[in-house]
Amino acid sequence: MTWREAHEVGAWVLMGANAVVGAWCIAAHFHERLRHRSLWWAVIAAQVLVFVQVTLGVILMNVEDLEPPDLHVLYGFSAIIAVAILYGYRSTSEWVKDREHLVYGLGSLFIMGLGIRELFLV
């Protein structure tokens, strides 16, 4: 598998994983029985994929001496910032604490949306 193929496959995995955990988190906000410890492990895995994907992109740029569109890089690093913001808000306020599943659900769907948007920039 080439670096380009790994980056493309990674994009689809990132979008799919964040779509699944986003939907699961939103459902868990409304249905307490869906709140499992495994949900948070899935969220962590989906968000780690953001860093993996950006790393693959940087490697691809260096190996193939590519100059990607500026917005592609912006959206990639915006996903990292989104992960940091989600983590930062995790327990900083009672409002967020009471809506943690909803915040992570919407945040995961936002990250998925960044991935979808990036697909159409290349």
PDB file of N, CA and C in Angstrom:
ATOM      1  N   MET A   1       0.857  -1.178   0.000  1.00  0.00           N
ATOM      2  CA  MET A   1       0.000   0.000   0.000  1.00  0.00           C
ATOM      3  C   MET A   1       0.902   1.239   0.000  1.00  0.00           C
ATOM      4  N   THR A   2       0.575   2.178  -0.854  1.00  0.00           N
ATOM      5  CA  THR A   2       1.347   3.410  -0.926  1.00  0.00           C
ATOM      6  C   THR A   2       0.888   4.377   0.163  1.00  0.00           C
ATOM      7  N   TRP A   3       1.682   5.421   0.389  1.00  0.00           N
ATOM      8  CA  TRP A   3       1.303   6.439   1.367  1.00  0.00           C
ATOM      9  C   TRP A   3       0.000   7.122   0.946  1.00  0.00           C
ATOM     10  N   ARG A   4      -0.163   7.348  -0.336  1.00  0.00           N
ATOM     11  CA  ARG A   4      -1.380   7.992  -0.845  1.00  0.00           C
ATOM     12  C   ARG A   4      -2.601   7.111  -0.565  1.00  0.00           C
ATOM     13  N   GLU A   5      -2.477   5.811  -0.829  1.00  0.00           N
ATOM     14  CA  GLU A   5      -3.584   4.888  -0.565  1.00  0.00           C
ATOM     15  C   GLU A   5      -3.889   4.825   0.929  1.00  0.00           C
ATOM     16  N   ALA A   6      -2.833   4.804   1.754  1.00  0.00           N
ATOM     17  CA  ALA A   6      -3.037   4.773   3.205  1.00  0.00           C
ATOM     18  C   ALA A   6      -3.776   6.028   3.668  1.00  0.00           C
ATOM     19  N   HIS A   7      -3.423   7.172   3.089  1.00  0.00           N
ATOM     20  CA  HIS A   7      -4.077   8.432   3.456  1.00  0.00           C
ATOM     21  C   HIS A   7      -5.546   8.431   3.005  1.00  0.00           C
ATOM     22  N   GLU A   8      -5.818   7.887   1.846  1.00  0.00           N
ATOM     23  CA  GLU A   8      -7.203   7.818   1.353  1.00  0.00           C
ATOM     24  C   GLU A   8      -8.041   6.856   2.187  1.00  0.00           C
ATOM     25  N   VAL A   9      -7.496   5.677   2.463  1.00  0.00           N
ATOM     26  CA  VAL A   9      -8.220   4.709   3.299  1.00  0.00           C
ATOM     27  C   VAL A   9      -8.417   5.285   4.697  1.00  0.00           C
ATOM     28  N   GLY A  10      -7.375   5.925   5.212  1.00  0.00           N
ATOM     29  CA  GLY A  10      -7.470   6.548   6.532  1.00  0.00           C
ATOM     30  C   GLY A  10      -8.576   7.582   6.609  1.00  0.00           C
ATOM     31  N   ALA A  11      -8.765   8.333   5.521  1.00  0.00           N
ATOM     32  CA  ALA A  11      -9.819   9.348   5.499  1.00  0.00           C
ATOM     33  C   ALA A  11     -11.191   8.697   5.655  1.00  0.00           C
ATOM     34  N   TRP A  12     -11.418   7.622   4.932  1.00  0.00           N
ATOM     35  CA  TRP A  12     -12.717   6.935   5.015  1.00  0.00           C
ATOM     36  C   TRP A  12     -12.921   6.305   6.390  1.00  0.00           C
ATOM     37  N   VAL A  13     -11.859   5.724   6.948  1.00  0.00           N
ATOM     38  CA  VAL A  13     -11.965   5.121   8.286  1.00  0.00           C
ATOM     39  C   VAL A  13     -12.253   6.205   9.316  1.00  0.00           C
ATOM     40  N   LEU A  14     -11.556   7.336   9.222  1.00  0.00           N
ATOM     41  CA  LEU A  14     -11.770   8.448  10.142  1.00  0.00           C
ATOM     42  C   LEU A  14     -13.210   8.940  10.070  1.00  0.00           C
ATOM     43  N   MET A  15     -13.709   9.138   8.870  1.00  0.00           N
ATOM     44  CA  MET A  15     -15.082   9.632   8.715  1.00  0.00           C
ATOM     45  C   MET A  15     -16.097   8.615   9.236  1.00  0.00           C
ATOM     46  N   GLY A  16     -15.901   7.349   8.896  1.00  0.00           N
ATOM     47  CA  GLY A  16     -16.825   6.310   9.363  1.00  0.00           C
ATOM     48  C   GLY A  16     -16.820   6.164  10.867  1.00  0.00           C
ATOM     49  N   ALA A  17     -15.636   6.146  11.459  1.00  0.00           N
ATOM     50  CA  ALA A  17     -15.530   5.986  12.913  1.00  0.00           C
ATOM     51  C   ALA A  17     -16.173   7.161  13.634  1.00  0.00           C
ATOM     52  N   ASN A  18     -15.931   8.377  13.160  1.00  0.00           N
ATOM     53  CA  ASN A  18     -16.523   9.539  13.817  1.00  0.00           C
ATOM     54  C   ASN A  18     -18.026   9.616  13.596  1.00  0.00           C
ATOM     55  N   ALA A  19     -18.496   9.127  12.451  1.00  0.00           N
ATOM     56  CA  ALA A  19     -19.942   9.069  12.221  1.00  0.00           C
ATOM     57  C   ALA A  19     -20.596   8.115  13.222  1.00  0.00           C
ATOM     58  N   VAL A  20     -19.989   6.945  13.403  1.00  0.00           N
ATOM     59  CA  VAL A  20     -20.547   5.943  14.316  1.00  0.00           C
ATOM     60  C   VAL A  20     -20.535   6.446  15.750  1.00  0.00           C
ATOM     61  N   VAL A  21     -19.378   6.948  16.223  1.00  0.00           N
ATOM     62  CA  VAL A  21     -19.337   7.400  17.619  1.00  0.00           C
ATOM     63  C   VAL A  21     -20.180   8.663  17.814  1.00  0.00           C
ATOM     64  N   GLY A  22     -20.275   9.500  16.783  1.00  0.00           N
ATOM     65  CA  GLY A  22     -21.131  10.677  16.891  1.00  0.00           C
ATOM     66  C   GLY A  22     -22.581  10.290  17.093  1.00  0.00           C
ATOM     67  N   ALA A  23     -23.051   9.367  16.274  1.00  0.00           N
ATOM     68  CA  ALA A  23     -24.434   8.896  16.404  1.00  0.00           C
ATOM     69  C   ALA A  23     -24.645   8.179  17.732  1.00  0.00           C
ATOM     70  N   TRP A  24     -23.677   7.369  18.138  1.00  0.00           N
ATOM     71  CA  TRP A  24     -23.780   6.627  19.399  1.00  0.00           C
ATOM     72  C   TRP A  24     -23.839   7.592  20.583  1.00  0.00           C
ATOM     73  N   CYS A  25     -22.982   8.617  20.575  1.00  0.00           N
ATOM     74  CA  CYS A  25     -22.981   9.588  21.669  1.00  0.00           C
ATOM     75  C   CYS A  25     -24.305  10.355  21.741  1.00  0.00           C
ATOM     76  N   ILE A  26     -24.819  10.766  20.599  1.00  0.00           N
ATOM     77  CA  ILE A  26     -26.090  11.497  20.602  1.00  0.00           C
ATOM     78  C   ILE A  26     -27.213  10.590  21.103  1.00  0.00           C
ATOM     79  N   ALA A  27     -27.224   9.347  20.647  1.00  0.00           N
ATOM     80  CA  ALA A  27     -28.234   8.403  21.145  1.00  0.00           C
ATOM     81  C   ALA A  27     -28.071   8.177  22.642  1.00  0.00           C
ATOM     82  N   ALA A  28     -26.826   8.104  23.117  1.00  0.00           N
ATOM     83  CA  ALA A  28     -26.566   7.895  24.543  1.00  0.00           C
ATOM     84  C   ALA A  28     -27.007   9.096  25.374  1.00  0.00           C
ATOM     85  N   HIS A  29     -26.998  10.263  24.779  1.00  0.00           N
ATOM     86  CA  HIS A  29     -27.493  11.447  25.500  1.00  0.00           C
ATOM     87  C   HIS A  29     -28.969  11.274  25.852  1.00  0.00           C
ATOM     88  N   PHE A  30     -29.711  10.659  24.966  1.00  0.00           N
ATOM     89  CA  PHE A  30     -31.150  10.496  25.166  1.00  0.00           C
ATOM     90  C   PHE A  30     -31.530   9.168  25.802  1.00  0.00           C
ATOM     91  N   HIS A  31     -30.683   8.164  25.681  1.00  0.00           N
ATOM     92  CA  HIS A  31     -30.990   6.824  26.197  1.00  0.00           C
ATOM     93  C   HIS A  31     -29.837   6.348  27.075  1.00  0.00           C
ATOM     94  N   GLU A  32     -30.046   6.403  28.368  1.00  0.00           N
ATOM     95  CA  GLU A  32     -28.995   6.096  29.328  1.00  0.00           C
ATOM     96  C   GLU A  32     -28.434   4.681  29.175  1.00  0.00           C
ATOM     97  N   ARG A  33     -29.237   3.762  28.697  1.00  0.00           N
ATOM     98  CA  ARG A  33     -28.771   2.375  28.570  1.00  0.00           C
ATOM     99  C   ARG A  33     -27.645   2.238  27.540  1.00  0.00           C
ATOM    100  N   LEU A  34     -27.456   3.236  26.678  1.00  0.00           N
ATOM    101  CA  LEU A  34     -26.383   3.202  25.673  1.00  0.00           C
ATOM    102  C   LEU A  34     -25.063   3.765  26.195  1.00  0.00           C
ATOM    103  N   ARG A  35     -25.063   4.203  27.431  1.00  0.00           N
ATOM    104  CA  ARG A  35     -23.864   4.794  28.027  1.00  0.00           C
ATOM    105  C   ARG A  35     -22.992   3.703  28.631  1.00  0.00           C
ATOM    106  N   HIS A  36     -22.102   3.202  27.804  1.00  0.00           N
ATOM    107  CA  HIS A  36     -21.171   2.156  28.235  1.00  0.00           C
ATOM    108  C   HIS A  36     -19.763   2.726  28.272  1.00  0.00           C
ATOM    109  N   ARG A  37     -18.926   2.089  29.037  1.00  0.00           N
ATOM    110  CA  ARG A  37     -17.514   2.475  29.049  1.00  0.00           C
ATOM    111  C   ARG A  37     -16.908   2.302  27.654  1.00  0.00           C
ATOM    112  N   SER A  38     -17.400   1.312  26.917  1.00  0.00           N
ATOM    113  CA  SER A  38     -16.883   1.065  25.563  1.00  0.00           C
ATOM    114  C   SER A  38     -17.151   2.249  24.636  1.00  0.00           C
ATOM    115  N   LEU A  39     -18.173   3.037  24.931  1.00  0.00           N
ATOM    116  CA  LEU A  39     -18.445   4.236  24.130  1.00  0.00           C
ATOM    117  C   LEU A  39     -17.250   5.174  24.181  1.00  0.00           C
ATOM    118  N   TRP A  40     -16.713   5.398  25.372  1.00  0.00           N
ATOM    119  CA  TRP A  40     -15.589   6.329  25.495  1.00  0.00           C
ATOM    120  C   TRP A  40     -14.330   5.773  24.854  1.00  0.00           C
ATOM    121  N   TRP A  41     -14.139   4.462  24.899  1.00  0.00           N
ATOM    122  CA  TRP A  41     -12.996   3.866  24.196  1.00  0.00           C
ATOM    123  C   TRP A  41     -13.143   4.047  22.687  1.00  0.00           C
ATOM    124  N   ALA A  42     -14.375   3.936  22.200  1.00  0.00           N
ATOM    125  CA  ALA A  42     -14.621   4.146  20.770  1.00  0.00           C
ATOM    126  C   ALA A  42     -14.382   5.609  20.390  1.00  0.00           C
ATOM    127  N   VAL A  43     -14.787   6.531  21.241  1.00  0.00           N
ATOM    128  CA  VAL A  43     -14.543   7.955  20.989  1.00  0.00           C
ATOM    129  C   VAL A  43     -13.040   8.229  20.947  1.00  0.00           C
ATOM    130  N   ILE A  44     -12.311   7.680  21.896  1.00  0.00           N
ATOM    131  CA  ILE A  44     -10.850   7.870  21.920  1.00  0.00           C
ATOM    132  C   ILE A  44     -10.240   7.328  20.634  1.00  0.00           C
ATOM    133  N   ALA A  45     -10.656   6.139  20.230  1.00  0.00           N
ATOM    134  CA  ALA A  45     -10.105   5.541  19.008  1.00  0.00           C
ATOM    135  C   ALA A  45     -10.406   6.414  17.792  1.00  0.00           C
ATOM    136  N   ALA A  46     -11.635   6.902  17.686  1.00  0.00           N
ATOM    137  CA  ALA A  46     -12.019   7.736  16.544  1.00  0.00           C
ATOM    138  C   ALA A  46     -11.226   9.034  16.531  1.00  0.00           C
ATOM    139  N   GLN A  47     -10.963   9.601  17.704  1.00  0.00           N
ATOM    140  CA  GLN A  47     -10.225  10.853  17.754  1.00  0.00           C
ATOM    141  C   GLN A  47      -8.730  10.657  17.564  1.00  0.00           C
ATOM    142  N   VAL A  48      -8.200   9.527  17.964  1.00  0.00           N
ATOM    143  CA  VAL A  48      -6.793   9.225  17.684  1.00  0.00           C
ATOM    144  C   VAL A  48      -6.584   9.114  16.179  1.00  0.00           C
ATOM    145  N   LEU A  49      -7.588   8.635  15.472  1.00  0.00           N
ATOM    146  CA  LEU A  49      -7.494   8.539  14.013  1.00  0.00           C
ATOM    147  C   LEU A  49      -7.225   9.894  13.357  1.00  0.00           C
ATOM    148  N   VAL A  50      -7.668  10.975  13.981  1.00  0.00           N
ATOM    149  CA  VAL A  50      -7.385  12.312  13.457  1.00  0.00           C
ATOM    150  C   VAL A  50      -5.868  12.528  13.401  1.00  0.00           C
ATOM    151  N   PHE A  51      -5.174  12.187  14.481  1.00  0.00           N
ATOM    152  CA  PHE A  51      -3.731  12.381  14.536  1.00  0.00           C
ATOM    153  C   PHE A  51      -3.007  11.440  13.577  1.00  0.00           C
ATOM    154  N   VAL A  52      -3.515  10.216  13.463  1.00  0.00           N
ATOM    155  CA  VAL A  52      -2.942   9.262  12.509  1.00  0.00           C
ATOM    156  C   VAL A  52      -3.087   9.793  11.090  1.00  0.00           C
ATOM    157  N   GLN A  53      -4.263  10.304  10.776  1.00  0.00           N
ATOM    158  CA  GLN A  53      -4.535  10.798   9.426  1.00  0.00           C
ATOM    159  C   GLN A  53      -3.669  12.004   9.086  1.00  0.00           C
ATOM    160  N   VAL A  54      -3.522  12.925  10.023  1.00  0.00           N
ATOM    161  CA  VAL A  54      -2.667  14.087   9.777  1.00  0.00           C
ATOM    162  C   VAL A  54      -1.216  13.645   9.601  1.00  0.00           C
ATOM    163  N   THR A  55      -0.785  12.698  10.400  1.00  0.00           N
ATOM    164  CA  THR A  55       0.580  12.179  10.268  1.00  0.00           C
ATOM    165  C   THR A  55       0.784  11.535   8.903  1.00  0.00           C
ATOM    166  N   LEU A  56      -0.183  10.735   8.459  1.00  0.00           N
ATOM    167  CA  LEU A  56      -0.087  10.132   7.127  1.00  0.00           C
ATOM    168  C   LEU A  56      -0.019  11.209   6.044  1.00  0.00           C
ATOM    169  N   GLY A  57      -0.786  12.271   6.210  1.00  0.00           N
ATOM    170  CA  GLY A  57      -0.771  13.361   5.247  1.00  0.00           C
ATOM    171  C   GLY A  57       0.579  14.059   5.188  1.00  0.00           C
ATOM    172  N   VAL A  58       1.170  14.295   6.343  1.00  0.00           N
ATOM    173  CA  VAL A  58       2.487  14.939   6.389  1.00  0.00           C
ATOM    174  C   VAL A  58       3.536  14.038   5.753  1.00  0.00           C
ATOM    175  N   ILE A  59       3.479  12.747   6.041  1.00  0.00           N
ATOM    176  CA  ILE A  59       4.419  11.802   5.430  1.00  0.00           C
ATOM    177  C   ILE A  59       4.226  11.799   3.915  1.00  0.00           C
ATOM    178  N   LEU A  60       2.982  11.751   3.467  1.00  0.00           N
ATOM    179  CA  LEU A  60       2.693  11.758   2.033  1.00  0.00           C
ATOM    180  C   LEU A  60       3.249  13.014   1.365  1.00  0.00           C
ATOM    181  N   MET A  61       3.068  14.164   1.999  1.00  0.00           N
ATOM    182  CA  MET A  61       3.584  15.413   1.434  1.00  0.00           C
ATOM    183  C   MET A  61       5.111  15.362   1.293  1.00  0.00           C
ATOM    184  N   ASN A  62       5.770  14.802   2.287  1.00  0.00           N
ATOM    185  CA  ASN A  62       7.231  14.745   2.255  1.00  0.00           C
ATOM    186  C   ASN A  62       7.761  13.707   1.279  1.00  0.00           C
ATOM    187  N   VAL A  63       7.141  12.534   1.249  1.00  0.00           N
ATOM    188  CA  VAL A  63       7.619  11.455   0.388  1.00  0.00           C
ATOM    189  C   VAL A  63       7.399  11.780  -1.086  1.00  0.00           C
ATOM    190  N   GLU A  64       6.219  12.306  -1.411  1.00  0.00           N
ATOM    191  CA  GLU A  64       5.898  12.591  -2.807  1.00  0.00           C
ATOM    192  C   GLU A  64       6.130  14.051  -3.185  1.00  0.00           C
ATOM    193  N   ASP A  65       6.697  14.824  -2.271  1.00  0.00           N
ATOM    194  CA  ASP A  65       6.989  16.238  -2.506  1.00  0.00           C
ATOM    195  C   ASP A  65       5.758  16.967  -3.051  1.00  0.00           C
ATOM    196  N   LEU A  66       4.645  16.818  -2.317  1.00  0.00           N
ATOM    197  CA  LEU A  66       3.367  17.404  -2.727  1.00  0.00           C
ATOM    198  C   LEU A  66       3.156  18.775  -2.102  1.00  0.00           C
ATOM    199  N   GLU A  67       2.395  19.579  -2.776  1.00  0.00           N
ATOM    200  CA  GLU A  67       1.925  20.866  -2.259  1.00  0.00           C
ATOM    201  C   GLU A  67       0.398  20.813  -2.264  1.00  0.00           C
ATOM    202  N   PRO A  68      -0.211  20.353  -1.147  1.00  0.00           N
ATOM    203  CA  PRO A  68      -1.671  20.221  -1.122  1.00  0.00           C
ATOM    204  C   PRO A  68      -2.343  21.589  -1.104  1.00  0.00           C
ATOM    205  N   PRO A  69      -3.610  21.634  -1.463  1.00  0.00           N
ATOM    206  CA  PRO A  69      -4.341  22.900  -1.357  1.00  0.00           C
ATOM    207  C   PRO A  69      -4.299  23.409   0.094  1.00  0.00           C
ATOM    208  N   ASP A  70      -4.187  24.716   0.255  1.00  0.00           N
ATOM    209  CA  ASP A  70      -4.085  25.297   1.597  1.00  0.00           C
ATOM    210  C   ASP A  70      -5.253  24.897   2.492  1.00  0.00           C
ATOM    211  N   LEU A  71      -6.453  24.879   1.940  1.00  0.00           N
ATOM    212  CA  LEU A  71      -7.606  24.539   2.766  1.00  0.00           C
ATOM    213  C   LEU A  71      -7.577  23.091   3.225  1.00  0.00           C
ATOM    214  N   HIS A  72      -6.952  22.205   2.464  1.00  0.00           N
ATOM    215  CA  HIS A  72      -6.849  20.805   2.865  1.00  0.00           C
ATOM    216  C   HIS A  72      -6.046  20.713   4.168  1.00  0.00           C
ATOM    217  N   VAL A  73      -4.952  21.415   4.212  1.00  0.00           N
ATOM    218  CA  VAL A  73      -4.126  21.427   5.423  1.00  0.00           C
ATOM    219  C   VAL A  73      -4.886  22.101   6.568  1.00  0.00           C
ATOM    220  N   LEU A  74      -5.588  23.184   6.270  1.00  0.00           N
ATOM    221  CA  LEU A  74      -6.360  23.884   7.292  1.00  0.00           C
ATOM    222  C   LEU A  74      -7.404  22.966   7.917  1.00  0.00           C
ATOM    223  N   TYR A  75      -8.146  22.236   7.082  1.00  0.00           N
ATOM    224  CA  TYR A  75      -9.170  21.339   7.622  1.00  0.00           C
ATOM    225  C   TYR A  75      -8.543  20.204   8.428  1.00  0.00           C
ATOM    226  N   GLY A  76      -7.411  19.711   7.990  1.00  0.00           N
ATOM    227  CA  GLY A  76      -6.734  18.651   8.741  1.00  0.00           C
ATOM    228  C   GLY A  76      -6.333  19.104  10.132  1.00  0.00           C
ATOM    229  N   PHE A  77      -5.721  20.272  10.208  1.00  0.00           N
ATOM    230  CA  PHE A  77      -5.314  20.770  11.516  1.00  0.00           C
ATOM    231  C   PHE A  77      -6.502  21.289  12.326  1.00  0.00           C
ATOM    232  N   SER A  78      -7.571  21.680  11.659  1.00  0.00           N
ATOM    233  CA  SER A  78      -8.798  22.067  12.370  1.00  0.00           C
ATOM    234  C   SER A  78      -9.389  20.861  13.103  1.00  0.00           C
ATOM    235  N   ALA A  79      -9.254  19.695  12.525  1.00  0.00           N
ATOM    236  CA  ALA A  79      -9.741  18.478  13.188  1.00  0.00           C
ATOM    237  C   ALA A  79      -8.961  18.228  14.478  1.00  0.00           C
ATOM    238  N   ILE A  80      -7.652  18.474  14.447  1.00  0.00           N
ATOM    239  CA  ILE A  80      -6.842  18.331  15.667  1.00  0.00           C
ATOM    240  C   ILE A  80      -7.305  19.331  16.722  1.00  0.00           C
ATOM    241  N   ILE A  81      -7.559  20.551  16.303  1.00  0.00           N
ATOM    242  CA  ILE A  81      -8.023  21.578  17.236  1.00  0.00           C
ATOM    243  C   ILE A  81      -9.396  21.197  17.803  1.00  0.00           C
ATOM    244  N   ALA A  82     -10.252  20.626  16.964  1.00  0.00           N
ATOM    245  CA  ALA A  82     -11.577  20.187  17.434  1.00  0.00           C
ATOM    246  C   ALA A  82     -11.439  19.126  18.521  1.00  0.00           C
ATOM    247  N   VAL A  83     -10.527  18.179  18.330  1.00  0.00           N
ATOM    248  CA  VAL A  83     -10.292  17.149  19.349  1.00  0.00           C
ATOM    249  C   VAL A  83      -9.827  17.809  20.647  1.00  0.00           C
ATOM    250  N   ALA A  84      -8.912  18.764  20.538  1.00  0.00           N
ATOM    251  CA  ALA A  84      -8.399  19.449  21.733  1.00  0.00           C
ATOM    252  C   ALA A  84      -9.503  20.225  22.447  1.00  0.00           C
ATOM    253  N   ILE A  85     -10.361  20.889  21.681  1.00  0.00           N
ATOM    254  CA  ILE A  85     -11.463  21.645  22.286  1.00  0.00           C
ATOM    255  C   ILE A  85     -12.435  20.704  22.991  1.00  0.00           C
ATOM    256  N   LEU A  86     -12.767  19.590  22.340  1.00  0.00           N
ATOM    257  CA  LEU A  86     -13.675  18.622  22.977  1.00  0.00           C
ATOM    258  C   LEU A  86     -13.093  18.124  24.294  1.00  0.00           C
ATOM    259  N   TYR A  87     -11.821  17.776  24.280  1.00  0.00           N
ATOM    260  CA  TYR A  87     -11.183  17.286  25.501  1.00  0.00           C
ATOM    261  C   TYR A  87     -11.150  18.385  26.560  1.00  0.00           C
ATOM    262  N   GLY A  88     -10.869  19.609  26.144  1.00  0.00           N
ATOM    263  CA  GLY A  88     -10.782  20.720  27.084  1.00  0.00           C
ATOM    264  C   GLY A  88     -12.095  21.032  27.768  1.00  0.00           C
ATOM    265  N   TYR A  89     -13.200  20.830  27.083  1.00  0.00           N
ATOM    266  CA  TYR A  89     -14.515  21.122  27.650  1.00  0.00           C
ATOM    267  C   TYR A  89     -15.091  19.953  28.436  1.00  0.00           C
ATOM    268  N   ARG A  90     -14.392  18.859  28.462  1.00  0.00           N
ATOM    269  CA  ARG A  90     -14.947  17.634  29.039  1.00  0.00           C
ATOM    270  C   ARG A  90     -15.514  17.825  30.442  1.00  0.00           C
ATOM    271  N   SER A  91     -14.812  18.485  31.304  1.00  0.00           N
ATOM    272  CA  SER A  91     -15.331  18.630  32.672  1.00  0.00           C
ATOM    273  C   SER A  91     -15.145  20.042  33.216  1.00  0.00           C
ATOM    274  N   THR A  92     -15.151  21.027  32.339  1.00  0.00           N
ATOM    275  CA  THR A  92     -14.894  22.387  32.798  1.00  0.00           C
ATOM    276  C   THR A  92     -16.138  23.106  33.296  1.00  0.00           C
ATOM    277  N   SER A  93     -17.304  22.639  32.916  1.00  0.00           N
ATOM    278  CA  SER A  93     -18.514  23.315  33.385  1.00  0.00           C
ATOM    279  C   SER A  93     -19.619  22.297  33.627  1.00  0.00           C
ATOM    280  N   GLU A  94     -20.512  22.678  34.514  1.00  0.00           N
ATOM    281  CA  GLU A  94     -21.645  21.796  34.807  1.00  0.00           C
ATOM    282  C   GLU A  94     -22.543  21.627  33.581  1.00  0.00           C
ATOM    283  N   TRP A  95     -22.688  22.693  32.787  1.00  0.00           N
ATOM    284  CA  TRP A  95     -23.522  22.610  31.593  1.00  0.00           C
ATOM    285  C   TRP A  95     -22.998  21.536  30.645  1.00  0.00           C
ATOM    286  N   VAL A  96     -21.702  21.540  30.411  1.00  0.00           N
ATOM    287  CA  VAL A  96     -21.106  20.541  29.511  1.00  0.00           C
ATOM    288  C   VAL A  96     -21.153  19.165  30.158  1.00  0.00           C
ATOM    289  N   LYS A  97     -20.866  19.098  31.447  1.00  0.00           N
ATOM    290  CA  LYS A  97     -20.859  17.805  32.127  1.00  0.00           C
ATOM    291  C   LYS A  97     -22.215  17.115  32.016  1.00  0.00           C
ATOM    292  N   ASP A  98     -23.290  17.887  32.106  1.00  0.00           N
ATOM    293  CA  ASP A  98     -24.632  17.321  31.987  1.00  0.00           C
ATOM    294  C   ASP A  98     -24.980  16.937  30.552  1.00  0.00           C
ATOM    295  N   ARG A  99     -24.231  17.454  29.586  1.00  0.00           N
ATOM    296  CA  ARG A  99     -24.501  17.202  28.163  1.00  0.00           C
ATOM    297  C   ARG A  99     -23.268  16.620  27.446  1.00  0.00           C
ATOM    298  N   GLU A 100     -22.434  15.959  28.200  1.00  0.00           N
ATOM    299  CA  GLU A 100     -21.165  15.454  27.671  1.00  0.00           C
ATOM    300  C   GLU A 100     -21.351  14.552  26.446  1.00  0.00           C
ATOM    301  N   HIS A 101     -22.313  13.671  26.498  1.00  0.00           N
ATOM    302  CA  HIS A 101     -22.551  12.785  25.355  1.00  0.00           C
ATOM    303  C   HIS A 101     -22.984  13.578  24.127  1.00  0.00           C
ATOM    304  N   LEU A 102     -23.831  14.556  24.339  1.00  0.00           N
ATOM    305  CA  LEU A 102     -24.295  15.387  23.228  1.00  0.00           C
ATOM    306  C   LEU A 102     -23.146  16.198  22.634  1.00  0.00           C
ATOM    307  N   VAL A 103     -22.316  16.781  23.494  1.00  0.00           N
ATOM    308  CA  VAL A 103     -21.170  17.570  23.024  1.00  0.00           C
ATOM    309  C   VAL A 103     -20.216  16.698  22.217  1.00  0.00           C
ATOM    310  N   TYR A 104     -19.895  15.515  22.731  1.00  0.00           N
ATOM    311  CA  TYR A 104     -18.986  14.624  22.002  1.00  0.00           C
ATOM    312  C   TYR A 104     -19.624  14.092  20.728  1.00  0.00           C
ATOM    313  N   GLY A 105     -20.930  13.869  20.759  1.00  0.00           N
ATOM    314  CA  GLY A 105     -21.620  13.418  19.550  1.00  0.00           C
ATOM    315  C   GLY A 105     -21.555  14.457  18.448  1.00  0.00           C
ATOM    316  N   LEU A 106     -21.899  15.684  18.786  1.00  0.00           N
ATOM    317  CA  LEU A 106     -21.852  16.754  17.790  1.00  0.00           C
ATOM    318  C   LEU A 106     -20.421  17.041  17.356  1.00  0.00           C
ATOM    319  N   GLY A 107     -19.485  16.973  18.299  1.00  0.00           N
ATOM    320  CA  GLY A 107     -18.076  17.186  17.961  1.00  0.00           C
ATOM    321  C   GLY A 107     -17.554  16.120  17.009  1.00  0.00           C
ATOM    322  N   SER A 108     -17.922  14.881  17.241  1.00  0.00           N
ATOM    323  CA  SER A 108     -17.502  13.790  16.357  1.00  0.00           C
ATOM    324  C   SER A 108     -18.103  13.939  14.972  1.00  0.00           C
ATOM    325  N   LEU A 109     -19.355  14.355  14.914  1.00  0.00           N
ATOM    326  CA  LEU A 109     -19.980  14.591  13.605  1.00  0.00           C
ATOM    327  C   LEU A 109     -19.329  15.783  12.898  1.00  0.00           C
ATOM    328  N   PHE A 110     -18.896  16.775  13.654  1.00  0.00           N
ATOM    329  CA  PHE A 110     -18.170  17.912  13.075  1.00  0.00           C
ATOM    330  C   PHE A 110     -16.855  17.437  12.460  1.00  0.00           C
ATOM    331  N   ILE A 111     -16.135  16.582  13.181  1.00  0.00           N
ATOM    332  CA  ILE A 111     -14.873  16.038  12.662  1.00  0.00           C
ATOM    333  C   ILE A 111     -15.141  15.224  11.405  1.00  0.00           C
ATOM    334  N   MET A 112     -16.203  14.428  11.410  1.00  0.00           N
ATOM    335  CA  MET A 112     -16.583  13.686  10.211  1.00  0.00           C
ATOM    336  C   MET A 112     -16.839  14.648   9.053  1.00  0.00           C
ATOM    337  N   GLY A 113     -17.527  15.744   9.331  1.00  0.00           N
ATOM    338  CA  GLY A 113     -17.820  16.733   8.314  1.00  0.00           C
ATOM    339  C   GLY A 113     -16.566  17.377   7.751  1.00  0.00           C
ATOM    340  N   LEU A 114     -15.577  17.627   8.601  1.00  0.00           N
ATOM    341  CA  LEU A 114     -14.296  18.150   8.120  1.00  0.00           C
ATOM    342  C   LEU A 114     -13.655  17.163   7.141  1.00  0.00           C
ATOM    343  N   GLY A 115     -13.748  15.879   7.474  1.00  0.00           N
ATOM    344  CA  GLY A 115     -13.202  14.850   6.585  1.00  0.00           C
ATOM    345  C   GLY A 115     -13.911  14.818   5.251  1.00  0.00           C
ATOM    346  N   ILE A 116     -15.233  14.919   5.282  1.00  0.00           N
ATOM    347  CA  ILE A 116     -16.007  14.933   4.037  1.00  0.00           C
ATOM    348  C   ILE A 116     -15.613  16.151   3.206  1.00  0.00           C
ATOM    349  N   ARG A 117     -15.505  17.280   3.853  1.00  0.00           N
ATOM    350  CA  ARG A 117     -15.132  18.515   3.141  1.00  0.00           C
ATOM    351  C   ARG A 117     -13.747  18.389   2.507  1.00  0.00           C
ATOM    352  N   GLU A 118     -12.828  17.774   3.225  1.00  0.00           N
ATOM    353  CA  GLU A 118     -11.470  17.608   2.699  1.00  0.00           C
ATOM    354  C   GLU A 118     -11.440  16.739   1.437  1.00  0.00           C
ATOM    355  N   LEU A 119     -12.330  15.767   1.359  1.00  0.00           N
ATOM    356  CA  LEU A 119     -12.355  14.894   0.184  1.00  0.00           C
ATOM    357  C   LEU A 119     -12.597  15.671  -1.089  1.00  0.00           C
ATOM    358  N   PHE A 120     -13.350  16.738  -0.986  1.00  0.00           N
ATOM    359  CA  PHE A 120     -13.717  17.488  -2.170  1.00  0.00           C
ATOM    360  C   PHE A 120     -12.775  18.644  -2.479  1.00  0.00           C
ATOM    361  N   LEU A 121     -11.700  18.753  -1.711  1.00  0.00           N
ATOM    362  CA  LEU A 121     -10.696  19.789  -1.955  1.00  0.00           C
ATOM    363  C   LEU A 121      -9.569  19.285  -2.851  1.00  0.00           C
ATOM    364  N   VAL A 122      -9.385  17.986  -2.873  1.00  0.00           N
ATOM    365  CA  VAL A 122      -8.241  17.417  -3.615  1.00  0.00           C
ATOM    366  C   VAL A 122      -8.617  17.197  -5.061  1.00  0.00           C
TER     367      VAL A 122
END
